[in-house]
Amino acid sequence: MADADIWDRIRKARDFALEAEKKERERIGEAKTAELQHAASVRLATRQSVREALDIVLDEDTSPPGAEREA
């Protein structure tokens, strides 16, 4: 596998995590109970952690506008 293929796969995984974050944000807004809201919040935090780690590997920043990024 070429180096470019590896970076493309990492970038694709990061983009997938970013899309999943958006879906979890929607679920939080649509949650009918505190339990469902909490579950979506936990999933969101997990997706954010994955995306942030992949951002670090790629030396890119895909944080949503207004979000703080640790140095």
PDB file of N, CA and C in Angstrom:
ATOM      1  N   MET A   1       0.847  -1.178   0.000  1.00  0.00           N
ATOM      2  CA  MET A   1       0.000   0.000   0.000  1.00  0.00           C
ATOM      3  C   MET A   1       0.890   1.238   0.000  1.00  0.00           C
ATOM      4  N   ALA A   2       0.587   2.171  -0.858  1.00  0.00           N
ATOM      5  CA  ALA A   2       1.377   3.395  -0.976  1.00  0.00           C
ATOM      6  C   ALA A   2       1.063   4.331   0.188  1.00  0.00           C
ATOM      7  N   ASP A   3       2.048   5.202   0.490  1.00  0.00           N
ATOM      8  CA  ASP A   3       1.856   6.176   1.567  1.00  0.00           C
ATOM      9  C   ASP A   3       0.626   7.035   1.345  1.00  0.00           C
ATOM     10  N   ALA A   4       0.398   7.436   0.102  1.00  0.00           N
ATOM     11  CA  ALA A   4      -0.762   8.279  -0.203  1.00  0.00           C
ATOM     12  C   ALA A   4      -2.059   7.557   0.133  1.00  0.00           C
ATOM     13  N   ASP A   5      -2.102   6.260  -0.106  1.00  0.00           N
ATOM     14  CA  ASP A   5      -3.301   5.476   0.213  1.00  0.00           C
ATOM     15  C   ASP A   5      -3.578   5.484   1.713  1.00  0.00           C
ATOM     16  N   ILE A   6      -2.537   5.379   2.500  1.00  0.00           N
ATOM     17  CA  ILE A   6      -2.692   5.377   3.956  1.00  0.00           C
ATOM     18  C   ILE A   6      -3.266   6.717   4.424  1.00  0.00           C
ATOM     19  N   TRP A   7      -2.692   7.820   3.926  1.00  0.00           N
ATOM     20  CA  TRP A   7      -3.178   9.143   4.317  1.00  0.00           C
ATOM     21  C   TRP A   7      -4.616   9.349   3.860  1.00  0.00           C
ATOM     22  N   ASP A   8      -4.942   8.861   2.674  1.00  0.00           N
ATOM     23  CA  ASP A   8      -6.316   8.978   2.186  1.00  0.00           C
ATOM     24  C   ASP A   8      -7.280   8.194   3.076  1.00  0.00           C
ATOM     25  N   ARG A   9      -6.871   7.027   3.520  1.00  0.00           N
ATOM     26  CA  ARG A   9      -7.724   6.216   4.404  1.00  0.00           C
ATOM     27  C   ARG A   9      -7.901   6.884   5.764  1.00  0.00           C
ATOM     28  N   ILE A  10      -6.831   7.452   6.287  1.00  0.00           N
ATOM     29  CA  ILE A  10      -6.934   8.166   7.565  1.00  0.00           C
ATOM     30  C   ILE A  10      -7.867   9.366   7.410  1.00  0.00           C
ATOM     31  N   ARG A  11      -7.709  10.107   6.329  1.00  0.00           N
ATOM     32  CA  ARG A  11      -8.562  11.276   6.075  1.00  0.00           C
ATOM     33  C   ARG A  11     -10.023  10.840   5.923  1.00  0.00           C
ATOM     34  N   LYS A  12     -10.267   9.737   5.236  1.00  0.00           N
ATOM     35  CA  LYS A  12     -11.632   9.233   5.058  1.00  0.00           C
ATOM     36  C   LYS A  12     -12.238   8.829   6.404  1.00  0.00           C
ATOM     37  N   ALA A  13     -11.456   8.184   7.251  1.00  0.00           N
ATOM     38  CA  ALA A  13     -11.935   7.811   8.587  1.00  0.00           C
ATOM     39  C   ALA A  13     -12.271   9.047   9.411  1.00  0.00           C
ATOM     40  N   ARG A  14     -11.425  10.077   9.305  1.00  0.00           N
ATOM     41  CA  ARG A  14     -11.677  11.330  10.027  1.00  0.00           C
ATOM     42  C   ARG A  14     -12.957  11.977   9.530  1.00  0.00           C
ATOM     43  N   ASP A  15     -13.150  12.008   8.220  1.00  0.00           N
ATOM     44  CA  ASP A  15     -14.348  12.608   7.644  1.00  0.00           C
ATOM     45  C   ASP A  15     -15.604  11.835   8.059  1.00  0.00           C
ATOM     46  N   PHE A  16     -15.492  10.521   8.151  1.00  0.00           N
ATOM     47  CA  PHE A  16     -16.608   9.685   8.605  1.00  0.00           C
ATOM     48  C   PHE A  16     -16.961  10.039  10.054  1.00  0.00           C
ATOM     49  N   ALA A  17     -15.947  10.209  10.893  1.00  0.00           N
ATOM     50  CA  ALA A  17     -16.182  10.581  12.290  1.00  0.00           C
ATOM     51  C   ALA A  17     -16.826  11.963  12.379  1.00  0.00           C
ATOM     52  N   LEU A  18     -16.422  12.874  11.522  1.00  0.00           N
ATOM     53  CA  LEU A  18     -16.997  14.222  11.504  1.00  0.00           C
ATOM     54  C   LEU A  18     -18.484  14.164  11.137  1.00  0.00           C
ATOM     55  N   GLU A  19     -18.829  13.372  10.145  1.00  0.00           N
ATOM     56  CA  GLU A  19     -20.237  13.219   9.770  1.00  0.00           C
ATOM     57  C   GLU A  19     -21.032  12.569  10.903  1.00  0.00           C
ATOM     58  N   ALA A  20     -20.430  11.610  11.580  1.00  0.00           N
ATOM     59  CA  ALA A  20     -21.108  10.961  12.702  1.00  0.00           C
ATOM     60  C   ALA A  20     -21.332  11.951  13.847  1.00  0.00           C
ATOM     61  N   GLU A  21     -20.400  12.885  14.041  1.00  0.00           N
ATOM     62  CA  GLU A  21     -20.576  13.943  15.049  1.00  0.00           C
ATOM     63  C   GLU A  21     -21.824  14.753  14.740  1.00  0.00           C
ATOM     64  N   LYS A  22     -21.982  15.125  13.477  1.00  0.00           N
ATOM     65  CA  LYS A  22     -23.146  15.920  13.081  1.00  0.00           C
ATOM     66  C   LYS A  22     -24.439  15.166  13.380  1.00  0.00           C
ATOM     67  N   LYS A  23     -24.446  13.877  13.096  1.00  0.00           N
ATOM     68  CA  LYS A  23     -25.631  13.062  13.351  1.00  0.00           C
ATOM     69  C   LYS A  23     -25.933  13.000  14.853  1.00  0.00           C
ATOM     70  N   GLU A  24     -24.899  12.860  15.668  1.00  0.00           N
ATOM     71  CA  GLU A  24     -25.111  12.805  17.122  1.00  0.00           C
ATOM     72  C   GLU A  24     -25.619  14.143  17.651  1.00  0.00           C
ATOM     73  N   ARG A  25     -25.150  15.248  17.087  1.00  0.00           N
ATOM     74  CA  ARG A  25     -25.671  16.562  17.497  1.00  0.00           C
ATOM     75  C   ARG A  25     -27.162  16.660  17.193  1.00  0.00           C
ATOM     76  N   GLU A  26     -27.563  16.130  16.035  1.00  0.00           N
ATOM     77  CA  GLU A  26     -28.982  16.112  15.685  1.00  0.00           C
ATOM     78  C   GLU A  26     -29.766  15.253  16.678  1.00  0.00           C
ATOM     79  N   ARG A  27     -29.207  14.105  17.033  1.00  0.00           N
ATOM     80  CA  ARG A  27     -29.881  13.217  17.982  1.00  0.00           C
ATOM     81  C   ARG A  27     -30.042  13.871  19.349  1.00  0.00           C
ATOM     82  N   ILE A  28     -29.040  14.632  19.760  1.00  0.00           N
ATOM     83  CA  ILE A  28     -29.142  15.338  21.042  1.00  0.00           C
ATOM     84  C   ILE A  28     -30.319  16.307  20.986  1.00  0.00           C
ATOM     85  N   GLY A  29     -30.422  17.052  19.881  1.00  0.00           N
ATOM     86  CA  GLY A  29     -31.507  18.016  19.734  1.00  0.00           C
ATOM     87  C   GLY A  29     -32.879  17.372  19.644  1.00  0.00           C
ATOM     88  N   GLU A  30     -32.947  16.166  19.106  1.00  0.00           N
ATOM     89  CA  GLU A  30     -34.218  15.469  18.912  1.00  0.00           C
ATOM     90  C   GLU A  30     -34.575  14.533  20.072  1.00  0.00           C
ATOM     91  N   ALA A  31     -33.681  14.373  21.023  1.00  0.00           N
ATOM     92  CA  ALA A  31     -33.901  13.421  22.123  1.00  0.00           C
ATOM     93  C   ALA A  31     -35.141  13.797  22.924  1.00  0.00           C
ATOM     94  N   LYS A  32     -35.964  12.792  23.202  1.00  0.00           N
ATOM     95  CA  LYS A  32     -37.205  13.003  23.938  1.00  0.00           C
ATOM     96  C   LYS A  32     -37.024  12.835  25.445  1.00  0.00           C
ATOM     97  N   THR A  33     -35.941  12.188  25.837  1.00  0.00           N
ATOM     98  CA  THR A  33     -35.698  11.985  27.270  1.00  0.00           C
ATOM     99  C   THR A  33     -34.256  12.345  27.611  1.00  0.00           C
ATOM    100  N   ALA A  34     -34.026  12.600  28.873  1.00  0.00           N
ATOM    101  CA  ALA A  34     -32.671  12.908  29.328  1.00  0.00           C
ATOM    102  C   ALA A  34     -31.735  11.724  29.082  1.00  0.00           C
ATOM    103  N   GLU A  35     -32.259  10.523  29.207  1.00  0.00           N
ATOM    104  CA  GLU A  35     -31.447   9.320  28.990  1.00  0.00           C
ATOM    105  C   GLU A  35     -30.967   9.243  27.538  1.00  0.00           C
ATOM    106  N   LEU A  36     -31.863   9.510  26.592  1.00  0.00           N
ATOM    107  CA  LEU A  36     -31.472   9.496  25.179  1.00  0.00           C
ATOM    108  C   LEU A  36     -30.494  10.622  24.872  1.00  0.00           C
ATOM    109  N   GLN A  37     -30.706  11.770  25.489  1.00  0.00           N
ATOM    110  CA  GLN A  37     -29.803  12.900  25.297  1.00  0.00           C
ATOM    111  C   GLN A  37     -28.416  12.571  25.839  1.00  0.00           C
ATOM    112  N   HIS A  38     -28.381  11.940  26.993  1.00  0.00           N
ATOM    113  CA  HIS A  38     -27.098  11.566  27.589  1.00  0.00           C
ATOM    114  C   HIS A  38     -26.364  10.547  26.707  1.00  0.00           C
ATOM    115  N   ALA A  39     -27.092   9.561  26.210  1.00  0.00           N
ATOM    116  CA  ALA A  39     -26.472   8.538  25.355  1.00  0.00           C
ATOM    117  C   ALA A  39     -25.876   9.180  24.092  1.00  0.00           C
ATOM    118  N   ALA A  40     -26.619  10.095  23.491  1.00  0.00           N
ATOM    119  CA  ALA A  40     -26.112  10.774  22.290  1.00  0.00           C
ATOM    120  C   ALA A  40     -24.911  11.649  22.633  1.00  0.00           C
ATOM    121  N   SER A  41     -24.913  12.261  23.806  1.00  0.00           N
ATOM    122  CA  SER A  41     -23.780  13.094  24.235  1.00  0.00           C
ATOM    123  C   SER A  41     -22.513  12.264  24.410  1.00  0.00           C
ATOM    124  N   VAL A  42     -22.669  11.074  24.954  1.00  0.00           N
ATOM    125  CA  VAL A  42     -21.515  10.179  25.132  1.00  0.00           C
ATOM    126  C   VAL A  42     -20.974   9.759  23.771  1.00  0.00           C
ATOM    127  N   ARG A  43     -21.871   9.409  22.850  1.00  0.00           N
ATOM    128  CA  ARG A  43     -21.425   9.033  21.503  1.00  0.00           C
ATOM    129  C   ARG A  43     -20.751  10.209  20.812  1.00  0.00           C
ATOM    130  N   LEU A  44     -21.294  11.420  20.992  1.00  0.00           N
ATOM    131  CA  LEU A  44     -20.701  12.614  20.400  1.00  0.00           C
ATOM    132  C   LEU A  44     -19.284  12.825  20.919  1.00  0.00           C
ATOM    133  N   ALA A  45     -19.103  12.700  22.218  1.00  0.00           N
ATOM    134  CA  ALA A  45     -17.768  12.880  22.804  1.00  0.00           C
ATOM    135  C   ALA A  45     -16.780  11.864  22.238  1.00  0.00           C
ATOM    136  N   THR A  46     -17.246  10.647  22.037  1.00  0.00           N
ATOM    137  CA  THR A  46     -16.380   9.610  21.473  1.00  0.00           C
ATOM    138  C   THR A  46     -15.998   9.957  20.039  1.00  0.00           C
ATOM    139  N   ARG A  47     -16.961  10.365  19.239  1.00  0.00           N
ATOM    140  CA  ARG A  47     -16.683  10.740  17.845  1.00  0.00           C
ATOM    141  C   ARG A  47     -15.728  11.933  17.783  1.00  0.00           C
ATOM    142  N   GLN A  48     -15.930  12.906  18.670  1.00  0.00           N
ATOM    143  CA  GLN A  48     -15.050  14.070  18.688  1.00  0.00           C
ATOM    144  C   GLN A  48     -13.614  13.668  19.014  1.00  0.00           C
ATOM    145  N   SER A  49     -13.453  12.775  19.978  1.00  0.00           N
ATOM    146  CA  SER A  49     -12.114  12.327  20.356  1.00  0.00           C
ATOM    147  C   SER A  49     -11.411  11.645  19.188  1.00  0.00           C
ATOM    148  N   VAL A  50     -12.137  10.804  18.491  1.00  0.00           N
ATOM    149  CA  VAL A  50     -11.565  10.106  17.333  1.00  0.00           C
ATOM    150  C   VAL A  50     -11.163  11.121  16.262  1.00  0.00           C
ATOM    151  N   ARG A  51     -12.087  12.048  15.935  1.00  0.00           N
ATOM    152  CA  ARG A  51     -11.796  13.047  14.906  1.00  0.00           C
ATOM    153  C   ARG A  51     -10.605  13.912  15.291  1.00  0.00           C
ATOM    154  N   GLU A  52     -10.553  14.340  16.545  1.00  0.00           N
ATOM    155  CA  GLU A  52      -9.442  15.180  16.990  1.00  0.00           C
ATOM    156  C   GLU A  52      -8.112  14.434  16.913  1.00  0.00           C
ATOM    157  N   ALA A  53      -8.110  13.156  17.265  1.00  0.00           N
ATOM    158  CA  ALA A  53      -6.878  12.366  17.173  1.00  0.00           C
ATOM    159  C   ALA A  53      -6.425  12.243  15.721  1.00  0.00           C
ATOM    160  N   LEU A  54      -7.368  12.001  14.827  1.00  0.00           N
ATOM    161  CA  LEU A  54      -7.012  11.889  13.415  1.00  0.00           C
ATOM    162  C   LEU A  54      -6.582  13.239  12.852  1.00  0.00           C
ATOM    163  N   ASP A  55      -7.190  14.330  13.331  1.00  0.00           N
ATOM    164  CA  ASP A  55      -6.728  15.668  12.943  1.00  0.00           C
ATOM    165  C   ASP A  55      -5.263  15.868  13.324  1.00  0.00           C
ATOM    166  N   ILE A  56      -4.896  15.418  14.498  1.00  0.00           N
ATOM    167  CA  ILE A  56      -3.512  15.559  14.959  1.00  0.00           C
ATOM    168  C   ILE A  56      -2.567  14.767  14.052  1.00  0.00           C
ATOM    169  N   VAL A  57      -2.952  13.539  13.727  1.00  0.00           N
ATOM    170  CA  VAL A  57      -2.130  12.709  12.846  1.00  0.00           C
ATOM    171  C   VAL A  57      -1.966  13.385  11.491  1.00  0.00           C
ATOM    172  N   LEU A  58      -3.053  13.966  10.975  1.00  0.00           N
ATOM    173  CA  LEU A  58      -3.031  14.602   9.657  1.00  0.00           C
ATOM    174  C   LEU A  58      -2.510  16.033   9.696  1.00  0.00           C
ATOM    175  N   ASP A  59      -2.325  16.579  10.885  1.00  0.00           N
ATOM    176  CA  ASP A  59      -1.926  17.975  11.078  1.00  0.00           C
ATOM    177  C   ASP A  59      -2.915  18.907  10.376  1.00  0.00           C
ATOM    178  N   GLU A  60      -4.215  18.629  10.604  1.00  0.00           N
ATOM    179  CA  GLU A  60      -5.302  19.429  10.047  1.00  0.00           C
ATOM    180  C   GLU A  60      -6.280  19.746  11.174  1.00  0.00           C
ATOM    181  N   ASP A  61      -7.163  20.703  10.921  1.00  0.00           N
ATOM    182  CA  ASP A  61      -8.163  21.061  11.924  1.00  0.00           C
ATOM    183  C   ASP A  61      -9.536  21.081  11.272  1.00  0.00           C
ATOM    184  N   THR A  62     -10.395  20.181  11.702  1.00  0.00           N
ATOM    185  CA  THR A  62     -11.765  20.136  11.195  1.00  0.00           C
ATOM    186  C   THR A  62     -12.759  20.468  12.297  1.00  0.00           C
ATOM    187  N   SER A  63     -12.295  21.153  13.339  1.00  0.00           N
ATOM    188  CA  SER A  63     -13.189  21.524  14.429  1.00  0.00           C
ATOM    189  C   SER A  63     -14.311  22.399  13.903  1.00  0.00           C
ATOM    190  N   PRO A  64     -15.523  22.180  14.426  1.00  0.00           N
ATOM    191  CA  PRO A  64     -16.637  23.041  14.023  1.00  0.00           C
ATOM    192  C   PRO A  64     -16.356  24.498  14.400  1.00  0.00           C
ATOM    193  N   PRO A  65     -16.911  25.449  13.673  1.00  0.00           N
ATOM    194  CA  PRO A  65     -16.709  26.868  14.023  1.00  0.00           C
ATOM    195  C   PRO A  65     -17.101  27.135  15.473  1.00  0.00           C
ATOM    196  N   GLY A  66     -16.263  27.888  16.160  1.00  0.00           N
ATOM    197  CA  GLY A  66     -16.535  28.224  17.551  1.00  0.00           C
ATOM    198  C   GLY A  66     -16.005  27.215  18.555  1.00  0.00           C
ATOM    199  N   ALA A  67     -15.569  26.055  18.094  1.00  0.00           N
ATOM    200  CA  ALA A  67     -15.041  25.046  19.005  1.00  0.00           C
ATOM    201  C   ALA A  67     -13.570  25.351  19.310  1.00  0.00           C
ATOM    202  N   GLU A  68     -13.217  25.160  20.552  1.00  0.00           N
ATOM    203  CA  GLU A  68     -11.814  25.390  20.951  1.00  0.00           C
ATOM    204  C   GLU A  68     -11.020  24.119  20.697  1.00  0.00           C
ATOM    205  N   ARG A  69      -9.802  24.299  20.242  1.00  0.00           N
ATOM    206  CA  ARG A  69      -8.905  23.159  20.015  1.00  0.00           C
ATOM    207  C   ARG A  69      -7.713  23.325  20.917  1.00  0.00           C
ATOM    208  N   GLU A  70      -7.375  22.238  21.627  1.00  0.00           N
ATOM    209  CA  GLU A  70      -6.206  22.283  22.508  1.00  0.00           C
ATOM    210  C   GLU A  70      -4.950  22.182  21.668  1.00  0.00           C
ATOM    211  N   ALA A  71      -3.921  22.878  22.115  1.00  0.00           N
ATOM    212  CA  ALA A  71      -2.647  22.877  21.387  1.00  0.00           C
ATOM    213  C   ALA A  71      -1.856  21.618  21.656  1.00  0.00           C
TER     214      ALA A  71
END
